[in-house]
């Protein structure tokens, strides 16, 4: 969720709570989907769902979200 929040806040200037975003993980593909589930929160450039990538080692999990300019 942190990767999504860091993509979202600079553009929307709206704080998201922990329960405002829902994640779906696909560890085999090393991807995740982050979706804004609180209807009161604005979309991110018209999007409510973003795809992200995951990687991990024995100590840390790394996650990233990229919002492409349209």
C-alpha atoms as a PDB file:
ATOM      1  CA  UNK A   1       0.000   0.000   0.000  1.00  0.00           C
ATOM      2  CA  UNK A   2       2.877   2.353   0.717  1.00  0.00           C
ATOM      3  CA  UNK A   3       4.016   2.306  -2.933  1.00  0.00           C
ATOM      4  CA  UNK A   4       0.487   3.232  -4.018  1.00  0.00           C
ATOM      5  CA  UNK A   5       0.227   6.010  -1.416  1.00  0.00           C
ATOM      6  CA  UNK A   6       3.534   7.508  -2.551  1.00  0.00           C
ATOM      7  CA  UNK A   7       2.274   7.602  -6.126  1.00  0.00           C
ATOM      8  CA  UNK A   8      -1.144   8.969  -5.152  1.00  0.00           C
ATOM      9  CA  UNK A   9      -0.488  11.766  -2.638  1.00  0.00           C
ATOM     10  CA  UNK A  10       1.788  14.071  -4.698  1.00  0.00           C
ATOM     11  CA  UNK A  11      -0.805  14.185  -7.467  1.00  0.00           C
ATOM     12  CA  UNK A  12      -4.059  14.350  -5.498  1.00  0.00           C
ATOM     13  CA  UNK A  13      -2.905  15.980  -2.222  1.00  0.00           C
ATOM     14  CA  UNK A  14      -5.371  13.766  -0.361  1.00  0.00           C
ATOM     15  CA  UNK A  15      -4.379  11.457   2.482  1.00  0.00           C
ATOM     16  CA  UNK A  16      -5.541   7.880   2.179  1.00  0.00           C
ATOM     17  CA  UNK A  17      -6.248   5.820   5.259  1.00  0.00           C
ATOM     18  CA  UNK A  18      -5.149   2.212   5.621  1.00  0.00           C
ATOM     19  CA  UNK A  19      -8.666   0.965   4.832  1.00  0.00           C
ATOM     20  CA  UNK A  20      -9.109   3.195   1.767  1.00  0.00           C
ATOM     21  CA  UNK A  21      -6.997   0.918  -0.454  1.00  0.00           C
ATOM     22  CA  UNK A  22      -7.265  -2.824  -1.032  1.00  0.00           C
ATOM     23  CA  UNK A  23      -4.436  -5.004  -2.359  1.00  0.00           C
ATOM     24  CA  UNK A  24      -4.542  -8.182  -4.380  1.00  0.00           C
ATOM     25  CA  UNK A  25      -1.234 -10.041  -4.595  1.00  0.00           C
ATOM     26  CA  UNK A  26       0.040 -12.460  -7.230  1.00  0.00           C
ATOM     27  CA  UNK A  27       3.336 -13.712  -5.784  1.00  0.00           C
ATOM     28  CA  UNK A  28       4.057 -16.055  -8.718  1.00  0.00           C
ATOM     29  CA  UNK A  29       3.887 -13.160 -11.197  1.00  0.00           C
ATOM     30  CA  UNK A  30       5.481 -10.823  -8.636  1.00  0.00           C
ATOM     31  CA  UNK A  31       2.702  -8.290  -9.157  1.00  0.00           C
ATOM     32  CA  UNK A  32      -0.055  -6.649  -7.172  1.00  0.00           C
ATOM     33  CA  UNK A  33      -3.164  -4.605  -7.791  1.00  0.00           C
ATOM     34  CA  UNK A  34      -4.002  -1.644  -5.552  1.00  0.00           C
ATOM     35  CA  UNK A  35      -7.562  -0.328  -5.670  1.00  0.00           C
ATOM     36  CA  UNK A  36      -9.125   2.704  -3.986  1.00  0.00           C
ATOM     37  CA  UNK A  37     -12.214   1.200  -2.355  1.00  0.00           C
ATOM     38  CA  UNK A  38     -13.388   4.292  -0.462  1.00  0.00           C
ATOM     39  CA  UNK A  39     -15.818   6.004  -2.845  1.00  0.00           C
ATOM     40  CA  UNK A  40     -15.282   9.314  -1.005  1.00  0.00           C
ATOM     41  CA  UNK A  41     -11.640   9.489  -2.126  1.00  0.00           C
ATOM     42  CA  UNK A  42     -10.813  10.958  -5.543  1.00  0.00           C
ATOM     43  CA  UNK A  43      -9.404   8.809  -8.312  1.00  0.00           C
ATOM     44  CA  UNK A  44      -5.795   9.128  -9.391  1.00  0.00           C
ATOM     45  CA  UNK A  45      -5.838  10.837 -12.787  1.00  0.00           C
ATOM     46  CA  UNK A  46      -9.145   9.051 -13.448  1.00  0.00           C
ATOM     47  CA  UNK A  47      -7.877   5.680 -12.237  1.00  0.00           C
ATOM     48  CA  UNK A  48      -9.037   3.805  -9.148  1.00  0.00           C
ATOM     49  CA  UNK A  49      -6.868   0.712  -9.753  1.00  0.00           C
ATOM     50  CA  UNK A  50      -3.121   0.540 -10.414  1.00  0.00           C
ATOM     51  CA  UNK A  51      -0.815  -2.380 -11.091  1.00  0.00           C
ATOM     52  CA  UNK A  52       2.486  -2.733  -9.294  1.00  0.00           C
ATOM     53  CA  UNK A  53       5.495  -5.015  -9.175  1.00  0.00           C
ATOM     54  CA  UNK A  54       7.019  -6.908  -6.267  1.00  0.00           C
ATOM     55  CA  UNK A  55      10.428  -8.289  -5.465  1.00  0.00           C
ATOM     56  CA  UNK A  56      11.807  -9.648  -2.212  1.00  0.00           C
ATOM     57  CA  UNK A  57      14.858 -11.111  -0.599  1.00  0.00           C
ATOM     58  CA  UNK A  58      15.419 -12.807   2.746  1.00  0.00           C
ATOM     59  CA  UNK A  59      14.855  -9.559   4.669  1.00  0.00           C
ATOM     60  CA  UNK A  60      12.821  -7.065   2.662  1.00  0.00           C
ATOM     61  CA  UNK A  61       9.915  -6.735   0.252  1.00  0.00           C
ATOM     62  CA  UNK A  62      10.239  -4.150  -2.526  1.00  0.00           C
ATOM     63  CA  UNK A  63       7.158  -2.745  -4.263  1.00  0.00           C
ATOM     64  CA  UNK A  64       6.733  -0.202  -7.004  1.00  0.00           C
ATOM     65  CA  UNK A  65       3.896   1.509  -8.847  1.00  0.00           C
ATOM     66  CA  UNK A  66       4.339   3.523 -12.029  1.00  0.00           C
ATOM     67  CA  UNK A  67       1.700   5.929 -13.289  1.00  0.00           C
ATOM     68  CA  UNK A  68       2.258   6.573 -16.970  1.00  0.00           C
ATOM     69  CA  UNK A  69       1.493  10.015 -18.327  1.00  0.00           C
ATOM     70  CA  UNK A  70      -1.408  10.052 -20.763  1.00  0.00           C
END
